[in-house]
Amino acid sequence: MGGYNIGDILYQLLSFGFVTLFIFLIVFLFRSFSKRRKQLNNIERKVDLLNDQVKKGND
């Protein structure tokens, strides 16, 4: 009885897969939120620029 059990190998692979998936999800969410924040900042900057241009045009 020195060999590996198929069930043990399958359990180890699934456990490793879940840990890897969890880490991947955390990294993906962090990058997604970071990218969204940058996009919102760019949009806000452009809106402010347009707002300033409109104000200057009305003067």
C-alpha atoms as a PDB file:
ATOM      1  CA  MET A   1       0.000   0.000   0.000  1.00  0.00           C
ATOM      2  CA  GLY A   2       2.723   2.478  -0.888  1.00  0.00           C
ATOM      3  CA  GLY A   3       1.010   3.845  -3.989  1.00  0.00           C
ATOM      4  CA  TYR A   4      -1.153   6.876  -4.490  1.00  0.00           C
ATOM      5  CA  ASN A   5      -4.902   6.673  -4.474  1.00  0.00           C
ATOM      6  CA  ILE A   6      -6.781   8.171  -7.412  1.00  0.00           C
ATOM      7  CA  GLY A   7      -9.102   9.912  -4.964  1.00  0.00           C
ATOM      8  CA  ASP A   8      -6.182  11.534  -3.127  1.00  0.00           C
ATOM      9  CA  ILE A   9      -4.683  12.804  -6.385  1.00  0.00           C
ATOM     10  CA  LEU A  10      -8.046  14.130  -7.538  1.00  0.00           C
ATOM     11  CA  TYR A  11      -8.622  15.869  -4.191  1.00  0.00           C
ATOM     12  CA  GLN A  12      -5.186  17.516  -4.330  1.00  0.00           C
ATOM     13  CA  LEU A  13      -5.755  18.727  -7.892  1.00  0.00           C
ATOM     14  CA  LEU A  14      -9.175  20.149  -7.056  1.00  0.00           C
ATOM     15  CA  SER A  15      -7.855  21.853  -3.929  1.00  0.00           C
ATOM     16  CA  PHE A  16      -4.994  23.387  -5.880  1.00  0.00           C
ATOM     17  CA  GLY A  17      -7.434  24.455  -8.595  1.00  0.00           C
ATOM     18  CA  PHE A  18      -9.728  26.202  -6.109  1.00  0.00           C
ATOM     19  CA  VAL A  19      -6.839  28.066  -4.482  1.00  0.00           C
ATOM     20  CA  THR A  20      -5.530  29.120  -7.904  1.00  0.00           C
ATOM     21  CA  LEU A  21      -9.007  30.222  -8.996  1.00  0.00           C
ATOM     22  CA  PHE A  22      -9.468  32.242  -5.804  1.00  0.00           C
ATOM     23  CA  ILE A  23      -6.146  34.056  -6.283  1.00  0.00           C
ATOM     24  CA  PHE A  24      -6.937  34.678  -9.968  1.00  0.00           C
ATOM     25  CA  LEU A  25     -10.336  36.125  -9.047  1.00  0.00           C
ATOM     26  CA  ILE A  26      -8.842  38.517  -6.497  1.00  0.00           C
ATOM     27  CA  VAL A  27      -6.223  39.748  -8.987  1.00  0.00           C
ATOM     28  CA  PHE A  28      -8.825  40.080 -11.758  1.00  0.00           C
ATOM     29  CA  LEU A  29     -11.202  42.087  -9.552  1.00  0.00           C
ATOM     30  CA  PHE A  30      -8.422  44.357  -8.330  1.00  0.00           C
ATOM     31  CA  ARG A  31      -7.232  45.073 -11.885  1.00  0.00           C
ATOM     32  CA  SER A  32     -10.797  45.582 -13.101  1.00  0.00           C
ATOM     33  CA  PHE A  33     -11.619  48.103 -10.357  1.00  0.00           C
ATOM     34  CA  SER A  34      -8.327  49.881 -10.923  1.00  0.00           C
ATOM     35  CA  LYS A  35      -8.939  50.149 -14.663  1.00  0.00           C
ATOM     36  CA  ARG A  36     -12.502  51.380 -14.115  1.00  0.00           C
ATOM     37  CA  ARG A  37     -11.273  54.042 -11.685  1.00  0.00           C
ATOM     38  CA  LYS A  38      -8.730  55.287 -14.246  1.00  0.00           C
ATOM     39  CA  GLN A  39     -11.393  55.436 -16.941  1.00  0.00           C
ATOM     40  CA  LEU A  40     -13.736  57.397 -14.671  1.00  0.00           C
ATOM     41  CA  ASN A  41     -10.952  59.838 -13.812  1.00  0.00           C
ATOM     42  CA  ASN A  42     -10.234  60.367 -17.514  1.00  0.00           C
ATOM     43  CA  ILE A  43     -13.914  60.956 -18.258  1.00  0.00           C
ATOM     44  CA  GLU A  44     -14.197  63.384 -15.351  1.00  0.00           C
ATOM     45  CA  ARG A  45     -11.137  65.287 -16.578  1.00  0.00           C
ATOM     46  CA  LYS A  46     -12.611  65.545 -20.085  1.00  0.00           C
ATOM     47  CA  VAL A  47     -15.987  66.708 -18.759  1.00  0.00           C
ATOM     48  CA  ASP A  48     -14.261  69.370 -16.665  1.00  0.00           C
ATOM     49  CA  LEU A  49     -12.288  70.514 -19.700  1.00  0.00           C
ATOM     50  CA  LEU A  50     -15.460  70.743 -21.788  1.00  0.00           C
ATOM     51  CA  ASN A  51     -17.234  72.562 -18.967  1.00  0.00           C
ATOM     52  CA  ASP A  52     -14.418  75.128 -18.800  1.00  0.00           C
ATOM     53  CA  GLN A  53     -14.564  75.597 -22.575  1.00  0.00           C
ATOM     54  CA  VAL A  54     -18.327  76.173 -22.440  1.00  0.00           C
ATOM     55  CA  LYS A  55     -17.926  78.709 -19.621  1.00  0.00           C
ATOM     56  CA  LYS A  56     -15.269  80.587 -21.594  1.00  0.00           C
ATOM     57  CA  GLY A  57     -17.522  80.596 -24.673  1.00  0.00           C
ATOM     58  CA  ASN A  58     -20.402  82.133 -22.711  1.00  0.00           C
ATOM     59  CA  ASP A  59     -18.301  85.047 -21.404  1.00  0.00           C
END
